[in-house]
Amino acid sequence: MRKAIAFTFGAVLGGVLGGLAALLLAPHSGKELRSAIQQQVNNIQIEIKEAAQKKRAELEEQLELLIEQKKS
């Protein structure tokens, strides 16, 4: 029973100290960090859309070539 209590106490204490360390050592405030994350997400979304558009154009071009070959 003592081992379980000691383990629980250690886990809770470790969680509290870890959270406190994360807050104190964070490079940005919560608002700044959320803003930076949102900007990165937006950049990734833009890159994905551009890559999808480029790939779609390539595939449409290949499809047109296959259709032309089939007609000939």
C-alpha atoms as a PDB file:
ATOM      1  CA  MET A   1       0.000   0.000   0.000  1.00  0.00           C
ATOM      2  CA  ARG A   2       2.838   2.371   0.844  1.00  0.00           C
ATOM      3  CA  LYS A   3       4.439   1.759  -2.532  1.00  0.00           C
ATOM      4  CA  ALA A   4       1.228   2.737  -4.319  1.00  0.00           C
ATOM      5  CA  ILE A   5       0.892   5.920  -2.265  1.00  0.00           C
ATOM      6  CA  ALA A   6       4.558   6.783  -2.822  1.00  0.00           C
ATOM      7  CA  PHE A   7       4.193   6.145  -6.549  1.00  0.00           C
ATOM      8  CA  THR A   8       1.031   8.270  -6.784  1.00  0.00           C
ATOM      9  CA  PHE A   9       2.653  11.084  -4.817  1.00  0.00           C
ATOM     10  CA  GLY A  10       5.743  10.933  -7.040  1.00  0.00           C
ATOM     11  CA  ALA A  11       3.662  10.938 -10.213  1.00  0.00           C
ATOM     12  CA  VAL A  12       1.603  13.932  -9.070  1.00  0.00           C
ATOM     13  CA  LEU A  13       4.694  15.810  -7.878  1.00  0.00           C
ATOM     14  CA  GLY A  14       6.486  15.046 -11.159  1.00  0.00           C
ATOM     15  CA  GLY A  15       3.506  16.282 -13.158  1.00  0.00           C
ATOM     16  CA  VAL A  16       3.298  19.511 -11.178  1.00  0.00           C
ATOM     17  CA  LEU A  17       7.035  20.164 -11.399  1.00  0.00           C
ATOM     18  CA  GLY A  18       7.094  19.304 -15.109  1.00  0.00           C
ATOM     19  CA  GLY A  19       4.207  21.672 -15.803  1.00  0.00           C
ATOM     20  CA  LEU A  20       5.842  24.422 -13.770  1.00  0.00           C
ATOM     21  CA  ALA A  21       9.143  23.939 -15.604  1.00  0.00           C
ATOM     22  CA  ALA A  22       7.346  24.056 -18.960  1.00  0.00           C
ATOM     23  CA  LEU A  23       5.639  27.328 -18.029  1.00  0.00           C
ATOM     24  CA  LEU A  24       8.834  28.926 -16.764  1.00  0.00           C
ATOM     25  CA  LEU A  25      11.030  27.760 -19.621  1.00  0.00           C
ATOM     26  CA  ALA A  26       8.597  28.381 -22.478  1.00  0.00           C
ATOM     27  CA  PRO A  27      10.157  30.665 -25.099  1.00  0.00           C
ATOM     28  CA  HIS A  28       6.865  32.485 -25.810  1.00  0.00           C
ATOM     29  CA  SER A  29       3.683  33.377 -24.037  1.00  0.00           C
ATOM     30  CA  GLY A  30       0.615  31.257 -24.737  1.00  0.00           C
ATOM     31  CA  LYS A  31      -0.861  33.876 -27.061  1.00  0.00           C
ATOM     32  CA  GLU A  32       2.389  34.235 -29.025  1.00  0.00           C
ATOM     33  CA  LEU A  33       2.812  30.473 -29.238  1.00  0.00           C
ATOM     34  CA  ARG A  34      -0.751  29.944 -30.503  1.00  0.00           C
ATOM     35  CA  SER A  35      -0.201  32.664 -33.075  1.00  0.00           C
ATOM     36  CA  ALA A  36       3.057  31.094 -34.262  1.00  0.00           C
ATOM     37  CA  ILE A  37       1.442  27.654 -34.472  1.00  0.00           C
ATOM     38  CA  GLN A  38      -1.510  29.050 -36.419  1.00  0.00           C
ATOM     39  CA  GLN A  39       0.859  30.758 -38.867  1.00  0.00           C
ATOM     40  CA  GLN A  40       2.739  27.493 -39.405  1.00  0.00           C
ATOM     41  CA  VAL A  41      -0.538  25.641 -39.960  1.00  0.00           C
ATOM     42  CA  ASN A  42      -1.595  28.276 -42.504  1.00  0.00           C
ATOM     43  CA  ASN A  43       1.754  27.978 -44.307  1.00  0.00           C
ATOM     44  CA  ILE A  44       1.452  24.194 -44.450  1.00  0.00           C
ATOM     45  CA  GLN A  45      -2.117  24.440 -45.779  1.00  0.00           C
ATOM     46  CA  ILE A  46      -0.971  26.816 -48.516  1.00  0.00           C
ATOM     47  CA  GLU A  47       1.893  24.494 -49.470  1.00  0.00           C
ATOM     48  CA  ILE A  48      -0.436  21.497 -49.591  1.00  0.00           C
ATOM     49  CA  LYS A  49      -2.938  23.348 -51.783  1.00  0.00           C
ATOM     50  CA  GLU A  50      -0.191  24.471 -54.153  1.00  0.00           C
ATOM     51  CA  ALA A  51       1.242  20.953 -54.373  1.00  0.00           C
ATOM     52  CA  ALA A  52      -2.225  19.515 -55.012  1.00  0.00           C
ATOM     53  CA  GLN A  53      -2.898  22.058 -57.772  1.00  0.00           C
ATOM     54  CA  LYS A  54       0.451  21.301 -59.383  1.00  0.00           C
ATOM     55  CA  LYS A  55      -0.107  17.552 -59.236  1.00  0.00           C
ATOM     56  CA  ARG A  56      -3.643  17.925 -60.603  1.00  0.00           C
ATOM     57  CA  ALA A  57      -2.328  19.952 -63.545  1.00  0.00           C
ATOM     58  CA  GLU A  58       0.290  17.272 -64.237  1.00  0.00           C
ATOM     59  CA  LEU A  59      -2.290  14.492 -64.079  1.00  0.00           C
ATOM     60  CA  GLU A  60      -4.716  16.376 -66.333  1.00  0.00           C
ATOM     61  CA  GLU A  61      -1.914  16.881 -68.841  1.00  0.00           C
ATOM     62  CA  GLN A  62      -1.082  13.165 -68.758  1.00  0.00           C
ATOM     63  CA  LEU A  63      -4.761  12.307 -69.174  1.00  0.00           C
ATOM     64  CA  GLU A  64      -5.031  14.553 -72.216  1.00  0.00           C
ATOM     65  CA  LEU A  65      -1.979  12.861 -73.758  1.00  0.00           C
ATOM     66  CA  LEU A  66      -3.479   9.412 -73.136  1.00  0.00           C
ATOM     67  CA  ILE A  67      -6.800  10.467 -74.662  1.00  0.00           C
ATOM     68  CA  GLU A  68      -5.013  11.842 -77.742  1.00  0.00           C
ATOM     69  CA  GLN A  69      -2.985   8.634 -78.073  1.00  0.00           C
ATOM     70  CA  LYS A  70      -6.112   6.523 -77.837  1.00  0.00           C
ATOM     71  CA  LYS A  71      -7.833   8.590 -80.568  1.00  0.00           C
ATOM     72  CA  SER A  72      -4.900   8.096 -82.926  1.00  0.00           C
END
